[in-house]
Amino acid sequence: MDSNNYRVEVTDAFADDIEEAVTYCETQSGKQSAARFLQRYDSFLELVSMLPGHGSLIGDSGLRWRQLGVFIAVYQVDEAGSVVTLLRLYHLSTNWRYHILGSSE
């Protein structure tokens, strides 16, 4: 990896969310679906490490989001420290903005 890349950190909550997402994919569509999700996740990690500002802003919260299959990854970028922190992973069907902002935007 290039030295200009951001370091990606994962919160415990995000790690739990990823485990649940893999289980969900496997239960709904089988092991190949779970494997495809993990490939998308690896691509997502590479993308946010190289282009952390690529995700869309969530209101004026400073947080960003990016779709990851049928999920939404919410993350924070610390430009001064060159760190991306993955906060939560929500299924598209949830009102994830409410969970983040506390109100429906």
PDB file of N, CA and C in Angstrom:
ATOM      1  N   MET A   1       0.826  -1.189   0.000  1.00  0.00           N
ATOM      2  CA  MET A   1       0.000   0.000   0.000  1.00  0.00           C
ATOM      3  C   MET A   1       0.868   1.249   0.000  1.00  0.00           C
ATOM      4  N   ASP A   2       0.374   2.265  -0.599  1.00  0.00           N
ATOM      5  CA  ASP A   2       1.043   3.554  -0.679  1.00  0.00           C
ATOM      6  C   ASP A   2       1.053   4.216   0.695  1.00  0.00           C
ATOM      7  N   SER A   3       2.106   4.953   0.993  1.00  0.00           N
ATOM      8  CA  SER A   3       2.211   5.607   2.295  1.00  0.00           C
ATOM      9  C   SER A   3       1.203   6.738   2.454  1.00  0.00           C
ATOM     10  N   ASN A   4       0.592   7.193   1.346  1.00  0.00           N
ATOM     11  CA  ASN A   4      -0.419   8.243   1.418  1.00  0.00           C
ATOM     12  C   ASN A   4      -1.790   7.697   1.792  1.00  0.00           C
ATOM     13  N   ASN A   5      -1.927   6.384   1.861  1.00  0.00           N
ATOM     14  CA  ASN A   5      -3.206   5.783   2.216  1.00  0.00           C
ATOM     15  C   ASN A   5      -3.545   6.039   3.678  1.00  0.00           C
ATOM     16  N   TYR A   6      -4.824   6.105   3.932  1.00  0.00           N
ATOM     17  CA  TYR A   6      -5.312   6.248   5.300  1.00  0.00           C
ATOM     18  C   TYR A   6      -5.321   4.878   5.970  1.00  0.00           C
ATOM     19  N   ARG A   7      -5.105   4.863   7.270  1.00  0.00           N
ATOM     20  CA  ARG A   7      -5.238   3.636   8.051  1.00  0.00           C
ATOM     21  C   ARG A   7      -6.730   3.442   8.318  1.00  0.00           C
ATOM     22  N   VAL A   8      -7.220   2.227   8.183  1.00  0.00           N
ATOM     23  CA  VAL A   8      -8.628   1.930   8.425  1.00  0.00           C
ATOM     24  C   VAL A   8      -8.749   1.175   9.739  1.00  0.00           C
ATOM     25  N   GLU A   9      -9.564   1.721  10.634  1.00  0.00           N
ATOM     26  CA  GLU A   9      -9.837   1.090  11.919  1.00  0.00           C
ATOM     27  C   GLU A   9     -11.304   0.687  11.963  1.00  0.00           C
ATOM     28  N   VAL A  10     -11.584  -0.385  12.673  1.00  0.00           N
ATOM     29  CA  VAL A  10     -12.935  -0.924  12.760  1.00  0.00           C
ATOM     30  C   VAL A  10     -13.355  -0.929  14.226  1.00  0.00           C
ATOM     31  N   THR A  11     -14.504  -0.315  14.513  1.00  0.00           N
ATOM     32  CA  THR A  11     -15.025  -0.365  15.877  1.00  0.00           C
ATOM     33  C   THR A  11     -15.532  -1.780  16.171  1.00  0.00           C
ATOM     34  N   ASP A  12     -15.664  -2.096  17.442  1.00  0.00           N
ATOM     35  CA  ASP A  12     -16.215  -3.398  17.822  1.00  0.00           C
ATOM     36  C   ASP A  12     -17.614  -3.575  17.249  1.00  0.00           C
ATOM     37  N   ALA A  13     -18.408  -2.504  17.262  1.00  0.00           N
ATOM     38  CA  ALA A  13     -19.774  -2.570  16.741  1.00  0.00           C
ATOM     39  C   ALA A  13     -19.756  -2.899  15.247  1.00  0.00           C
ATOM     40  N   PHE A  14     -18.840  -2.285  14.498  1.00  0.00           N
ATOM     41  CA  PHE A  14     -18.753  -2.566  13.060  1.00  0.00           C
ATOM     42  C   PHE A  14     -18.317  -4.008  12.822  1.00  0.00           C
ATOM     43  N   ALA A  15     -17.365  -4.485  13.599  1.00  0.00           N
ATOM     44  CA  ALA A  15     -16.912  -5.876  13.459  1.00  0.00           C
ATOM     45  C   ALA A  15     -18.074  -6.839  13.702  1.00  0.00           C
ATOM     46  N   ASP A  16     -18.887  -6.553  14.724  1.00  0.00           N
ATOM     47  CA  ASP A  16     -20.073  -7.377  14.988  1.00  0.00           C
ATOM     48  C   ASP A  16     -21.060  -7.296  13.825  1.00  0.00           C
ATOM     49  N   ASP A  17     -21.233  -6.081  13.286  1.00  0.00           N
ATOM     50  CA  ASP A  17     -22.148  -5.889  12.158  1.00  0.00           C
ATOM     51  C   ASP A  17     -21.695  -6.689  10.939  1.00  0.00           C
ATOM     52  N   ILE A  18     -20.390  -6.730  10.692  1.00  0.00           N
ATOM     53  CA  ILE A  18     -19.860  -7.491   9.549  1.00  0.00           C
ATOM     54  C   ILE A  18     -20.157  -8.980   9.738  1.00  0.00           C
ATOM     55  N   GLU A  19     -19.931  -9.487  10.931  1.00  0.00           N
ATOM     56  CA  GLU A  19     -20.227 -10.900  11.203  1.00  0.00           C
ATOM     57  C   GLU A  19     -21.701 -11.205  10.950  1.00  0.00           C
ATOM     58  N   GLU A  20     -22.568 -10.313  11.410  1.00  0.00           N
ATOM     59  CA  GLU A  20     -24.003 -10.500  11.199  1.00  0.00           C
ATOM     60  C   GLU A  20     -24.360 -10.425   9.721  1.00  0.00           C
ATOM     61  N   ALA A  21     -23.700  -9.534   8.980  1.00  0.00           N
ATOM     62  CA  ALA A  21     -23.957  -9.390   7.546  1.00  0.00           C
ATOM     63  C   ALA A  21     -23.554 -10.645   6.785  1.00  0.00           C
ATOM     64  N   VAL A  22     -22.422 -11.221   7.137  1.00  0.00           N
ATOM     65  CA  VAL A  22     -21.970 -12.450   6.481  1.00  0.00           C
ATOM     66  C   VAL A  22     -22.965 -13.575   6.767  1.00  0.00           C
ATOM     67  N   THR A  23     -23.401 -13.676   8.016  1.00  0.00           N
ATOM     68  CA  THR A  23     -24.389 -14.690   8.382  1.00  0.00           C
ATOM     69  C   THR A  23     -25.692 -14.468   7.619  1.00  0.00           C
ATOM     70  N   TYR A  24     -26.109 -13.216   7.520  1.00  0.00           N
ATOM     71  CA  TYR A  24     -27.329 -12.873   6.783  1.00  0.00           C
ATOM     72  C   TYR A  24     -27.206 -13.305   5.321  1.00  0.00           C
ATOM     73  N   CYS A  25     -26.113 -12.946   4.669  1.00  0.00           N
ATOM     74  CA  CYS A  25     -25.910 -13.300   3.262  1.00  0.00           C
ATOM     75  C   CYS A  25     -25.914 -14.804   3.067  1.00  0.00           C
ATOM     76  N   GLU A  26     -25.233 -15.495   3.963  1.00  0.00           N
ATOM     77  CA  GLU A  26     -25.159 -16.952   3.859  1.00  0.00           C
ATOM     78  C   GLU A  26     -26.534 -17.594   4.068  1.00  0.00           C
ATOM     79  N   THR A  27     -27.283 -17.095   5.040  1.00  0.00           N
ATOM     80  CA  THR A  27     -28.609 -17.638   5.335  1.00  0.00           C
ATOM     81  C   THR A  27     -29.588 -17.358   4.196  1.00  0.00           C
ATOM     82  N   GLN A  28     -29.529 -16.149   3.662  1.00  0.00           N
ATOM     83  CA  GLN A  28     -30.475 -15.750   2.615  1.00  0.00           C
ATOM     84  C   GLN A  28     -30.158 -16.368   1.258  1.00  0.00           C
ATOM     85  N   SER A  29     -28.851 -16.455   0.919  1.00  0.00           N
ATOM     86  CA  SER A  29     -28.492 -16.824  -0.450  1.00  0.00           C
ATOM     87  C   SER A  29     -27.368 -17.834  -0.575  1.00  0.00           C
ATOM     88  N   GLY A  30     -26.794 -18.269   0.521  1.00  0.00           N
ATOM     89  CA  GLY A  30     -25.763 -19.295   0.454  1.00  0.00           C
ATOM     90  C   GLY A  30     -24.346 -18.775   0.628  1.00  0.00           C
ATOM     91  N   LYS A  31     -23.424 -19.710   0.655  1.00  0.00           N
ATOM     92  CA  LYS A  31     -22.017 -19.391   0.921  1.00  0.00           C
ATOM     93  C   LYS A  31     -21.394 -18.518  -0.158  1.00  0.00           C
ATOM     94  N   GLN A  32     -21.794 -18.696  -1.411  1.00  0.00           N
ATOM     95  CA  GLN A  32     -21.235 -17.870  -2.479  1.00  0.00           C
ATOM     96  C   GLN A  32     -21.621 -16.407  -2.300  1.00  0.00           C
ATOM     97  N   SER A  33     -22.843 -16.180  -1.843  1.00  0.00           N
ATOM     98  CA  SER A  33     -23.294 -14.816  -1.581  1.00  0.00           C
ATOM     99  C   SER A  33     -22.464 -14.188  -0.466  1.00  0.00           C
ATOM    100  N   ALA A  34     -22.210 -14.939   0.584  1.00  0.00           N
ATOM    101  CA  ALA A  34     -21.386 -14.440   1.687  1.00  0.00           C
ATOM    102  C   ALA A  34     -19.970 -14.155   1.204  1.00  0.00           C
ATOM    103  N   ALA A  35     -19.436 -15.018   0.337  1.00  0.00           N
ATOM    104  CA  ALA A  35     -18.087 -14.809  -0.206  1.00  0.00           C
ATOM    105  C   ALA A  35     -18.047 -13.551  -1.072  1.00  0.00           C
ATOM    106  N   ARG A  36     -19.093 -13.315  -1.874  1.00  0.00           N
ATOM    107  CA  ARG A  36     -19.152 -12.092  -2.701  1.00  0.00           C
ATOM    108  C   ARG A  36     -19.210 -10.849  -1.812  1.00  0.00           C
ATOM    109  N   PHE A  37     -19.983 -10.942  -0.734  1.00  0.00           N
ATOM    110  CA  PHE A  37     -20.063  -9.814   0.194  1.00  0.00           C
ATOM    111  C   PHE A  37     -18.682  -9.509   0.779  1.00  0.00           C
ATOM    112  N   LEU A  38     -17.955 -10.532   1.177  1.00  0.00           N
ATOM    113  CA  LEU A  38     -16.620 -10.321   1.741  1.00  0.00           C
ATOM    114  C   LEU A  38     -15.654  -9.739   0.707  1.00  0.00           C
ATOM    115  N   GLN A  39     -15.816 -10.120  -0.563  1.00  0.00           N
ATOM    116  CA  GLN A  39     -14.999  -9.516  -1.626  1.00  0.00           C
ATOM    117  C   GLN A  39     -15.331  -8.035  -1.769  1.00  0.00           C
ATOM    118  N   ARG A  40     -16.627  -7.706  -1.718  1.00  0.00           N
ATOM    119  CA  ARG A  40     -17.034  -6.287  -1.779  1.00  0.00           C
ATOM    120  C   ARG A  40     -16.475  -5.520  -0.581  1.00  0.00           C
ATOM    121  N   TYR A  41     -16.503  -6.150   0.574  1.00  0.00           N
ATOM    122  CA  TYR A  41     -15.978  -5.524   1.784  1.00  0.00           C
ATOM    123  C   TYR A  41     -14.481  -5.235   1.635  1.00  0.00           C
ATOM    124  N   ASP A  42     -13.728  -6.194   1.117  1.00  0.00           N
ATOM    125  CA  ASP A  42     -12.293  -5.973   0.884  1.00  0.00           C
ATOM    126  C   ASP A  42     -12.061  -4.816  -0.085  1.00  0.00           C
ATOM    127  N   SER A  43     -12.858  -4.745  -1.147  1.00  0.00           N
ATOM    128  CA  SER A  43     -12.751  -3.644  -2.109  1.00  0.00           C
ATOM    129  C   SER A  43     -13.088  -2.311  -1.453  1.00  0.00           C
ATOM    130  N   PHE A  44     -14.112  -2.332  -0.583  1.00  0.00           N
ATOM    131  CA  PHE A  44     -14.505  -1.135   0.151  1.00  0.00           C
ATOM    132  C   PHE A  44     -13.367  -0.658   1.050  1.00  0.00           C
ATOM    133  N   LEU A  45     -12.717  -1.569   1.761  1.00  0.00           N
ATOM    134  CA  LEU A  45     -11.591  -1.196   2.627  1.00  0.00           C
ATOM    135  C   LEU A  45     -10.481  -0.534   1.812  1.00  0.00           C
ATOM    136  N   GLU A  46     -10.188  -1.095   0.664  1.00  0.00           N
ATOM    137  CA  GLU A  46      -9.156  -0.521  -0.192  1.00  0.00           C
ATOM    138  C   GLU A  46      -9.557   0.870  -0.678  1.00  0.00           C
ATOM    139  N   LEU A  47     -10.825   1.023  -1.072  1.00  0.00           N
ATOM    140  CA  LEU A  47     -11.313   2.309  -1.559  1.00  0.00           C
ATOM    141  C   LEU A  47     -11.224   3.384  -0.483  1.00  0.00           C
ATOM    142  N   VAL A  48     -11.743   3.113   0.714  1.00  0.00           N
ATOM    143  CA  VAL A  48     -11.731   4.157   1.747  1.00  0.00           C
ATOM    144  C   VAL A  48     -10.327   4.455   2.247  1.00  0.00           C
ATOM    145  N   SER A  49      -9.418   3.508   2.120  1.00  0.00           N
ATOM    146  CA  SER A  49      -8.037   3.814   2.523  1.00  0.00           C
ATOM    147  C   SER A  49      -7.372   4.739   1.512  1.00  0.00           C
ATOM    148  N   MET A  50      -7.763   4.639   0.248  1.00  0.00           N
ATOM    149  CA  MET A  50      -7.162   5.480  -0.792  1.00  0.00           C
ATOM    150  C   MET A  50      -7.930   6.780  -1.001  1.00  0.00           C
ATOM    151  N   LEU A  51      -9.270   6.698  -0.929  1.00  0.00           N
ATOM    152  CA  LEU A  51     -10.131   7.857  -1.194  1.00  0.00           C
ATOM    153  C   LEU A  51     -11.192   7.984  -0.106  1.00  0.00           C
ATOM    154  N   PRO A  52     -10.800   8.358   1.104  1.00  0.00           N
ATOM    155  CA  PRO A  52     -11.751   8.375   2.222  1.00  0.00           C
ATOM    156  C   PRO A  52     -12.914   9.344   2.032  1.00  0.00           C
ATOM    157  N   GLY A  53     -12.728  10.386   1.264  1.00  0.00           N
ATOM    158  CA  GLY A  53     -13.795  11.358   1.031  1.00  0.00           C
ATOM    159  C   GLY A  53     -14.765  10.946  -0.051  1.00  0.00           C
ATOM    160  N   HIS A  54     -14.613   9.749  -0.576  1.00  0.00           N
ATOM    161  CA  HIS A  54     -15.453   9.277  -1.680  1.00  0.00           C
ATOM    162  C   HIS A  54     -16.889   9.037  -1.255  1.00  0.00           C
ATOM    163  N   GLY A  55     -17.115   8.667  -0.022  1.00  0.00           N
ATOM    164  CA  GLY A  55     -18.475   8.406   0.464  1.00  0.00           C
ATOM    165  C   GLY A  55     -19.253   9.698   0.623  1.00  0.00           C
ATOM    166  N   SER A  56     -20.562   9.575   0.613  1.00  0.00           N
ATOM    167  CA  SER A  56     -21.441  10.741   0.754  1.00  0.00           C
ATOM    168  C   SER A  56     -21.529  11.173   2.206  1.00  0.00           C
ATOM    169  N   LEU A  57     -21.620  12.483   2.416  1.00  0.00           N
ATOM    170  CA  LEU A  57     -21.785  13.017   3.769  1.00  0.00           C
ATOM    171  C   LEU A  57     -23.181  12.734   4.293  1.00  0.00           C
ATOM    172  N   ILE A  58     -23.283  12.543   5.600  1.00  0.00           N
ATOM    173  CA  ILE A  58     -24.575  12.352   6.262  1.00  0.00           C
ATOM    174  C   ILE A  58     -24.908  13.674   6.942  1.00  0.00           C
ATOM    175  N   GLY A  59     -25.701  14.472   6.256  1.00  0.00           N
ATOM    176  CA  GLY A  59     -26.057  15.789   6.778  1.00  0.00           C
ATOM    177  C   GLY A  59     -24.813  16.590   7.099  1.00  0.00           C
ATOM    178  N   ASP A  60     -24.829  17.282   8.231  1.00  0.00           N
ATOM    179  CA  ASP A  60     -23.659  18.052   8.648  1.00  0.00           C
ATOM    180  C   ASP A  60     -22.943  17.373   9.812  1.00  0.00           C
ATOM    181  N   SER A  61     -23.146  16.051   9.936  1.00  0.00           N
ATOM    182  CA  SER A  61     -22.566  15.287  11.042  1.00  0.00           C
ATOM    183  C   SER A  61     -21.056  15.067  10.895  1.00  0.00           C
ATOM    184  N   GLY A  62     -20.548  15.234   9.680  1.00  0.00           N
ATOM    185  CA  GLY A  62     -19.139  14.937   9.428  1.00  0.00           C
ATOM    186  C   GLY A  62     -18.903  13.464   9.122  1.00  0.00           C
ATOM    187  N   LEU A  63     -19.949  12.653   9.276  1.00  0.00           N
ATOM    188  CA  LEU A  63     -19.842  11.228   8.977  1.00  0.00           C
ATOM    189  C   LEU A  63     -20.133  10.991   7.499  1.00  0.00           C
ATOM    190  N   ARG A  64     -19.646   9.876   6.997  1.00  0.00           N
ATOM    191  CA  ARG A  64     -19.847   9.509   5.601  1.00  0.00           C
ATOM    192  C   ARG A  64     -20.487   8.132   5.521  1.00  0.00           C
ATOM    193  N   TRP A  65     -21.106   7.858   4.385  1.00  0.00           N
ATOM    194  CA  TRP A  65     -21.696   6.553   4.154  1.00  0.00           C
ATOM    195  C   TRP A  65     -21.392   6.108   2.736  1.00  0.00           C
ATOM    196  N   ARG A  66     -21.439   4.806   2.582  1.00  0.00           N
ATOM    197  CA  ARG A  66     -21.230   4.188   1.268  1.00  0.00           C
ATOM    198  C   ARG A  66     -21.984   2.868   1.252  1.00  0.00           C
ATOM    199  N   GLN A  67     -22.654   2.603   0.128  1.00  0.00           N
ATOM    200  CA  GLN A  67     -23.382   1.346   0.008  1.00  0.00           C
ATOM    201  C   GLN A  67     -22.394   0.206  -0.186  1.00  0.00           C
ATOM    202  N   LEU A  68     -22.684  -0.885   0.494  1.00  0.00           N
ATOM    203  CA  LEU A  68     -21.855  -2.091   0.433  1.00  0.00           C
ATOM    204  C   LEU A  68     -22.824  -3.260   0.258  1.00  0.00           C
ATOM    205  N   GLY A  69     -23.138  -3.581  -1.002  1.00  0.00           N
ATOM    206  CA  GLY A  69     -24.148  -4.596  -1.276  1.00  0.00           C
ATOM    207  C   GLY A  69     -25.496  -4.108  -0.799  1.00  0.00           C
ATOM    208  N   VAL A  70     -26.168  -4.895   0.040  1.00  0.00           N
ATOM    209  CA  VAL A  70     -27.476  -4.498   0.574  1.00  0.00           C
ATOM    210  C   VAL A  70     -27.321  -3.819   1.940  1.00  0.00           C
ATOM    211  N   PHE A  71     -26.136  -3.309   2.208  1.00  0.00           N
ATOM    212  CA  PHE A  71     -25.834  -2.660   3.477  1.00  0.00           C
ATOM    213  C   PHE A  71     -25.301  -1.251   3.250  1.00  0.00           C
ATOM    214  N   ILE A  72     -25.336  -0.468   4.302  1.00  0.00           N
ATOM    215  CA  ILE A  72     -24.780   0.886   4.315  1.00  0.00           C
ATOM    216  C   ILE A  72     -23.677   0.912   5.365  1.00  0.00           C
ATOM    217  N   ALA A  73     -22.477   1.250   4.937  1.00  0.00           N
ATOM    218  CA  ALA A  73     -21.344   1.399   5.856  1.00  0.00           C
ATOM    219  C   ALA A  73     -21.238   2.868   6.237  1.00  0.00           C
ATOM    220  N   VAL A  74     -21.185   3.128   7.537  1.00  0.00           N
ATOM    221  CA  VAL A  74     -21.058   4.492   8.056  1.00  0.00           C
ATOM    222  C   VAL A  74     -19.671   4.615   8.665  1.00  0.00           C
ATOM    223  N   TYR A  75     -18.969   5.691   8.275  1.00  0.00           N
ATOM    224  CA  TYR A  75     -17.607   5.854   8.752  1.00  0.00           C
ATOM    225  C   TYR A  75     -17.253   7.311   8.975  1.00  0.00           C
ATOM    226  N   GLN A  76     -16.155   7.502   9.674  1.00  0.00           N
ATOM    227  CA  GLN A  76     -15.653   8.827  10.029  1.00  0.00           C
ATOM    228  C   GLN A  76     -14.235   8.951   9.499  1.00  0.00           C
ATOM    229  N   VAL A  77     -13.897  10.133   9.001  1.00  0.00           N
ATOM    230  CA  VAL A  77     -12.561  10.372   8.468  1.00  0.00           C
ATOM    231  C   VAL A  77     -11.852  11.401   9.335  1.00  0.00           C
ATOM    232  N   ASP A  78     -10.677  11.033   9.821  1.00  0.00           N
ATOM    233  CA  ASP A  78      -9.803  11.948  10.558  1.00  0.00           C
ATOM    234  C   ASP A  78      -8.665  12.306   9.608  1.00  0.00           C
ATOM    235  N   GLU A  79      -8.819  13.450   8.949  1.00  0.00           N
ATOM    236  CA  GLU A  79      -7.827  13.845   7.942  1.00  0.00           C
ATOM    237  C   GLU A  79      -6.473  14.148   8.573  1.00  0.00           C
ATOM    238  N   ALA A  80      -6.484  14.759   9.754  1.00  0.00           N
ATOM    239  CA  ALA A  80      -5.217  15.108  10.407  1.00  0.00           C
ATOM    240  C   ALA A  80      -4.418  13.857  10.770  1.00  0.00           C
ATOM    241  N   GLY A  81      -5.110  12.822  11.215  1.00  0.00           N
ATOM    242  CA  GLY A  81      -4.437  11.593  11.608  1.00  0.00           C
ATOM    243  C   GLY A  81      -4.376  10.551  10.509  1.00  0.00           C
ATOM    244  N   SER A  82      -4.970  10.869   9.345  1.00  0.00           N
ATOM    245  CA  SER A  82      -5.038   9.929   8.212  1.00  0.00           C
ATOM    246  C   SER A  82      -5.629   8.586   8.628  1.00  0.00           C
ATOM    247  N   VAL A  83      -6.778   8.674   9.330  1.00  0.00           N
ATOM    248  CA  VAL A  83      -7.452   7.473   9.820  1.00  0.00           C
ATOM    249  C   VAL A  83      -8.917   7.497   9.381  1.00  0.00           C
ATOM    250  N   VAL A  84      -9.390   6.363   8.893  1.00  0.00           N
ATOM    251  CA  VAL A  84     -10.806   6.148   8.618  1.00  0.00           C
ATOM    252  C   VAL A  84     -11.294   5.162   9.667  1.00  0.00           C
ATOM    253  N   THR A  85     -12.360   5.529  10.392  1.00  0.00           N
ATOM    254  CA  THR A  85     -12.926   4.648  11.398  1.00  0.00           C
ATOM    255  C   THR A  85     -14.290   4.177  10.927  1.00  0.00           C
ATOM    256  N   LEU A  86     -14.402   2.864  10.744  1.00  0.00           N
ATOM    257  CA  LEU A  86     -15.674   2.269  10.340  1.00  0.00           C
ATOM    258  C   LEU A  86     -16.518   2.116  11.593  1.00  0.00           C
ATOM    259  N   LEU A  87     -17.697   2.756  11.588  1.00  0.00           N
ATOM    260  CA  LEU A  87     -18.514   2.844  12.788  1.00  0.00           C
ATOM    261  C   LEU A  87     -19.612   1.795  12.854  1.00  0.00           C
ATOM    262  N   ARG A  88     -20.439   1.726  11.827  1.00  0.00           N
ATOM    263  CA  ARG A  88     -21.582   0.798  11.835  1.00  0.00           C
ATOM    264  C   ARG A  88     -21.888   0.348  10.414  1.00  0.00           C
ATOM    265  N   LEU A  89     -22.588  -0.775  10.337  1.00  0.00           N
ATOM    266  CA  LEU A  89     -23.056  -1.322   9.073  1.00  0.00           C
ATOM    267  C   LEU A  89     -24.542  -1.604   9.248  1.00  0.00           C
ATOM    268  N   TYR A  90     -25.373  -0.999   8.405  1.00  0.00           N
ATOM    269  CA  TYR A  90     -26.821  -1.146   8.498  1.00  0.00           C
ATOM    270  C   TYR A  90     -27.372  -1.781   7.239  1.00  0.00           C
ATOM    271  N   HIS A  91     -28.420  -2.567   7.382  1.00  0.00           N
ATOM    272  CA  HIS A  91     -29.125  -3.097   6.215  1.00  0.00           C
ATOM    273  C   HIS A  91     -29.859  -1.929   5.561  1.00  0.00           C
ATOM    274  N   LEU A  92     -29.953  -1.968   4.236  1.00  0.00           N
ATOM    275  CA  LEU A  92     -30.631  -0.896   3.499  1.00  0.00           C
ATOM    276  C   LEU A  92     -32.065  -0.661   3.968  1.00  0.00           C
ATOM    277  N   SER A  93     -32.714  -1.702   4.449  1.00  0.00           N
ATOM    278  CA  SER A  93     -34.126  -1.573   4.829  1.00  0.00           C
ATOM    279  C   SER A  93     -34.326  -0.840   6.154  1.00  0.00           C
ATOM    280  N   THR A  94     -33.254  -0.613   6.902  1.00  0.00           N
ATOM    281  CA  THR A  94     -33.408   0.091   8.182  1.00  0.00           C
ATOM    282  C   THR A  94     -33.382   1.601   7.960  1.00  0.00           C
ATOM    283  N   ASN A  95     -33.867   2.329   8.934  1.00  0.00           N
ATOM    284  CA  ASN A  95     -33.794   3.784   8.901  1.00  0.00           C
ATOM    285  C   ASN A  95     -32.452   4.184   9.521  1.00  0.00           C
ATOM    286  N   TRP A  96     -31.384   3.897   8.820  1.00  0.00           N
ATOM    287  CA  TRP A  96     -30.035   4.078   9.355  1.00  0.00           C
ATOM    288  C   TRP A  96     -29.715   5.536   9.652  1.00  0.00           C
ATOM    289  N   ARG A  97     -30.267   6.465   8.897  1.00  0.00           N
ATOM    290  CA  ARG A  97     -30.008   7.883   9.185  1.00  0.00           C
ATOM    291  C   ARG A  97     -30.543   8.258  10.565  1.00  0.00           C
ATOM    292  N   TYR A  98     -31.698   7.694  10.925  1.00  0.00           N
ATOM    293  CA  TYR A  98     -32.256   7.941  12.239  1.00  0.00           C
ATOM    294  C   TYR A  98     -31.314   7.435  13.337  1.00  0.00           C
ATOM    295  N   HIS A  99     -30.742   6.265  13.128  1.00  0.00           N
ATOM    296  CA  HIS A  99     -29.817   5.705  14.120  1.00  0.00           C
ATOM    297  C   HIS A  99     -28.582   6.591  14.271  1.00  0.00           C
ATOM    298  N   ILE A 100     -28.157   7.215  13.193  1.00  0.00           N
ATOM    299  CA  ILE A 100     -26.956   8.050  13.219  1.00  0.00           C
ATOM    300  C   ILE A 100     -27.267   9.459  13.735  1.00  0.00           C
ATOM    301  N   LEU A 101     -28.313  10.056  13.208  1.00  0.00           N
ATOM    302  CA  LEU A 101     -28.597  11.466  13.505  1.00  0.00           C
ATOM    303  C   LEU A 101     -29.632  11.669  14.602  1.00  0.00           C
ATOM    304  N   GLY A 102     -30.384  10.621  14.925  1.00  0.00           N
ATOM    305  CA  GLY A 102     -31.403  10.753  15.958  1.00  0.00           C
ATOM    306  C   GLY A 102     -32.718  11.305  15.474  1.00  0.00           C
ATOM    307  N   SER A 103     -32.832  11.532  14.181  1.00  0.00           N
ATOM    308  CA  SER A 103     -34.104  11.989  13.606  1.00  0.00           C
ATOM    309  C   SER A 103     -34.113  11.603  12.135  1.00  0.00           C
ATOM    310  N   SER A 104     -35.298  11.495  11.581  1.00  0.00           N
ATOM    311  CA  SER A 104     -35.350  11.163  10.147  1.00  0.00           C
ATOM    312  C   SER A 104     -35.031  12.423   9.360  1.00  0.00           C
ATOM    313  N   GLU A 105     -34.030  12.297   8.532  1.00  0.00           N
ATOM    314  CA  GLU A 105     -33.552  13.456   7.766  1.00  0.00           C
ATOM    315  C   GLU A 105     -34.361  13.628   6.526  1.00  0.00           C
TER     316      GLU A 105
END
